[in-house]
């Protein structure tokens, strides 16, 4: 299991080309409602214990948040959730 940071532009290009990538927004519902991305699935980090079992390590997943995930301690938490 590995992860890397991609830019919004990279994600948009991949989505536009028809590539299947699961986009998960880990912000809170009120943030998602303000500036959500069409097609994103809302799974707030604050409720991770409810949804972490739904992640599969055989699918490509892009997590999005407000500030970017590569510097976040949550990146490792999400990586472990997918691996479990």
Protein backbone atom coordinates (compact mmCIF):
# COMPACT_ATOMS: atom_id res chain seq x y z
CA UNK A 1 0.00 0.00 0.00
CA UNK A 2 1.40 3.37 -0.92
CA UNK A 3 0.12 6.86 -1.41
CA UNK A 4 1.16 10.00 -3.17
CA UNK A 5 -0.09 13.52 -3.50
CA UNK A 6 -1.78 14.60 -6.71
CA UNK A 7 -3.00 18.04 -7.62
CA UNK A 8 -6.62 18.93 -8.32
CA UNK A 9 -5.60 19.44 -11.95
CA UNK A 10 -4.17 15.93 -12.12
CA UNK A 11 -7.34 14.47 -10.63
CA UNK A 12 -9.54 16.45 -13.03
CA UNK A 13 -7.54 15.23 -16.04
CA UNK A 14 -7.79 11.61 -14.90
CA UNK A 15 -11.52 11.89 -14.27
CA UNK A 16 -12.08 13.60 -17.63
CA UNK A 17 -10.27 10.76 -19.39
CA UNK A 18 -12.73 8.28 -17.89
CA UNK A 19 -10.29 6.74 -15.41
CA UNK A 20 -12.12 5.17 -12.48
CA UNK A 21 -10.90 6.77 -9.29
CA UNK A 22 -12.92 6.87 -6.08
CA UNK A 23 -12.94 10.45 -4.78
CA UNK A 24 -13.55 10.73 -1.05
CA UNK A 25 -13.97 14.09 0.66
CA UNK A 26 -12.92 13.75 4.31
CA UNK A 27 -14.14 17.17 5.43
CA UNK A 28 -17.24 17.81 7.50
CA UNK A 29 -20.68 18.00 5.87
CA UNK A 30 -20.94 21.79 6.19
CA UNK A 31 -17.60 22.20 4.36
CA UNK A 32 -18.67 19.76 1.67
CA UNK A 33 -21.89 21.70 1.12
CA UNK A 34 -19.96 24.95 0.68
CA UNK A 35 -17.40 23.69 -1.84
CA UNK A 36 -18.01 20.06 -2.70
CA UNK A 37 -16.81 18.45 -5.91
CA UNK A 38 -19.36 16.72 -8.11
CA UNK A 39 -18.97 12.97 -7.82
CA UNK A 40 -17.12 13.09 -4.51
CA UNK A 41 -18.25 10.81 -1.72
CA UNK A 42 -18.49 12.48 1.70
CA UNK A 43 -16.83 10.40 4.43
CA UNK A 44 -15.81 12.79 7.23
CA UNK A 45 -12.69 11.92 9.19
CA UNK A 46 -14.61 12.62 12.38
CA UNK A 47 -16.74 9.56 11.59
CA UNK A 48 -13.98 7.35 10.26
CA UNK A 49 -14.81 4.47 12.60
CA UNK A 50 -18.16 4.17 10.78
CA UNK A 51 -16.75 3.92 7.25
CA UNK A 52 -13.17 2.68 7.35
CA UNK A 53 -14.25 -0.91 6.65
CA UNK A 54 -15.74 0.20 3.31
CA UNK A 55 -12.31 1.02 1.87
CA UNK A 56 -10.68 -1.54 -0.38
CA UNK A 57 -6.98 -1.74 -1.10
CA UNK A 58 -7.61 -2.96 -4.65
CA UNK A 59 -9.19 0.30 -5.80
CA UNK A 60 -7.55 3.63 -6.40
CA UNK A 61 -8.81 6.19 -3.93
CA UNK A 62 -8.21 9.92 -3.91
CA UNK A 63 -8.83 11.60 -0.58
CA UNK A 64 -9.46 15.30 -0.58
CA UNK A 65 -9.50 17.81 2.20
CA UNK A 66 -9.16 21.54 2.52
CA UNK A 67 -5.42 21.78 3.00
CA UNK A 68 -4.07 18.71 1.21
CA UNK A 69 -3.30 15.41 2.80
CA UNK A 70 0.38 14.74 2.30
CA UNK A 71 1.40 16.82 5.31
CA UNK A 72 -1.47 15.67 7.45
CA UNK A 73 -1.11 13.03 10.15
CA UNK A 74 -4.39 11.70 8.78
CA UNK A 75 -2.65 10.45 5.65
CA UNK A 76 -1.04 7.65 7.64
CA UNK A 77 -4.30 6.93 9.48
CA UNK A 78 -6.12 6.57 6.16
CA UNK A 79 -3.37 4.37 4.78
CA UNK A 80 -3.70 2.02 7.76
CA UNK A 81 -7.51 1.99 7.41
CA UNK A 82 -7.27 0.82 3.81
CA UNK A 83 -4.72 -1.85 4.69
CA UNK A 84 -6.85 -3.36 7.47
